Amino acid sequence: MTIHYGTGFDTPEALFTIRPDAARGLHLDALNATLARAEAITTLLATACADLEEGYAIDQATLADTVWCLTGLIEQARAIARHVETGEGA
C-alpha cells in the first residue's frame, strides 16, 4: 500500500530523508525510536477507546490527528527499512 501525502512538502513525511552518510547502527536506533512513538500512540488510542459503553474519551479531531500521526510514523519506519535494504534515501 502506498500513501500519498500530496505533491508539495507540506507534511513531515514528504520532507523525511535519511542522510546517506549515516552509520548503519544508527538506523536501528532511529527505527526503535519511531516504533516506540508508534507504540505510545497506539496505547493512547487503546486507552481512549477502551470504554465501549461511554464512547471515546477523546474528541473526533484528536482521534483523527492521532491516526494521521501513526500513519506518518509507519511511513518513517518503512523509509528507514527501505534505506537499510537498498541504501536509498526516503
Protein backbone atom coordinates (compact mmCIF):
# COMPACT_ATOMS: atom_id res chain seq x y z
CA MET A 1 0.00 0.00 0.00
CA THR A 2 1.32 3.42 -0.91
CA ILE A 3 0.25 6.51 0.99
CA HIS A 4 0.37 9.74 -0.96
CA TYR A 5 0.82 12.92 1.06
CA GLY A 6 0.30 15.37 -1.77
CA THR A 7 2.63 16.92 -4.27
CA GLY A 8 4.28 19.51 -2.02
CA PHE A 9 6.37 19.38 1.08
CA ASP A 10 3.51 20.16 3.43
CA THR A 11 3.94 17.17 5.74
CA PRO A 12 6.86 15.77 7.73
CA GLU A 13 6.65 12.60 5.68
CA ALA A 14 7.18 14.50 2.44
CA LEU A 15 10.38 16.04 3.81
CA PHE A 16 11.70 12.99 5.67
CA THR A 17 15.06 11.92 4.30
CA ILE A 18 17.88 9.78 5.59
CA ARG A 19 21.38 11.17 5.36
CA PRO A 20 23.49 8.95 3.10
CA ASP A 21 26.46 9.21 5.50
CA ALA A 22 24.50 7.81 8.46
CA ALA A 23 26.25 4.85 10.07
CA ARG A 24 24.42 1.54 9.75
CA GLY A 25 23.86 1.18 13.51
CA LEU A 26 22.01 4.49 13.64
CA HIS A 27 19.24 3.03 11.50
CA LEU A 28 18.36 0.60 14.26
CA ASP A 29 18.25 3.39 16.85
CA ALA A 30 16.06 5.53 14.59
CA LEU A 31 13.75 2.61 13.84
CA ASN A 32 13.41 1.75 17.54
CA ALA A 33 12.59 5.39 18.36
CA THR A 34 9.98 5.52 15.59
CA LEU A 35 8.39 2.28 16.75
CA ALA A 36 8.37 3.46 20.39
CA ARG A 37 6.49 6.59 19.31
CA ALA A 38 4.02 4.50 17.32
CA GLU A 39 3.53 2.21 20.31
CA ALA A 40 2.82 5.20 22.56
CA ILE A 41 0.17 6.47 20.16
CA THR A 42 -1.37 3.00 19.91
CA THR A 43 -1.54 2.86 23.72
CA LEU A 44 -3.21 6.28 23.76
CA LEU A 45 -5.80 5.13 21.25
CA ALA A 46 -6.43 1.86 23.09
CA THR A 47 -6.93 3.71 26.38
CA ALA A 48 -9.10 6.44 24.90
CA CYS A 49 -11.31 3.93 23.10
CA ALA A 50 -11.47 1.24 25.79
CA ASP A 51 -14.87 2.11 27.24
CA LEU A 52 -17.35 0.87 24.68
CA GLU A 53 -20.35 1.89 26.79
CA GLU A 54 -19.30 5.51 27.33
CA GLY A 55 -17.68 6.05 23.93
CA TYR A 56 -14.38 7.68 23.10
CA ALA A 57 -12.54 9.65 25.77
CA ILE A 58 -11.12 11.99 23.10
CA ASP A 59 -12.87 14.09 20.52
CA GLN A 60 -13.04 13.17 16.85
CA ALA A 61 -10.45 15.76 15.76
CA THR A 62 -7.90 14.42 18.25
CA LEU A 63 -8.66 10.88 17.16
CA ALA A 64 -8.10 11.83 13.53
CA ASP A 65 -4.83 13.60 14.42
CA THR A 66 -3.50 10.56 16.29
CA VAL A 67 -4.33 8.26 13.39
CA TRP A 68 -2.61 10.69 10.98
CA CYS A 69 0.45 10.78 13.26
CA LEU A 70 0.54 6.98 13.47
CA THR A 71 0.34 6.74 9.68
CA GLY A 72 3.31 9.10 9.40
CA LEU A 73 5.36 7.08 11.88
CA ILE A 74 4.65 3.89 9.96
CA GLU A 75 5.84 5.60 6.78
CA GLN A 76 9.01 6.75 8.56
CA ALA A 77 9.69 3.18 9.73
CA ARG A 78 9.21 1.94 6.18
CA ALA A 79 11.61 4.59 4.88
CA ILE A 80 14.25 3.53 7.39
CA ALA A 81 13.80 -0.12 6.44
CA ARG A 82 13.95 0.78 2.74
CA HIS A 83 17.21 2.68 3.31
CA VAL A 84 18.75 -0.28 5.15
CA GLU A 85 17.67 -2.63 2.36
CA THR A 86 18.54 -0.52 -0.69
CA GLY A 87 20.81 2.24 0.60
CA GLU A 88 18.48 4.82 -0.96
CA GLY A 89 17.02 7.77 0.90
CA ALA A 90 13.38 8.06 1.77
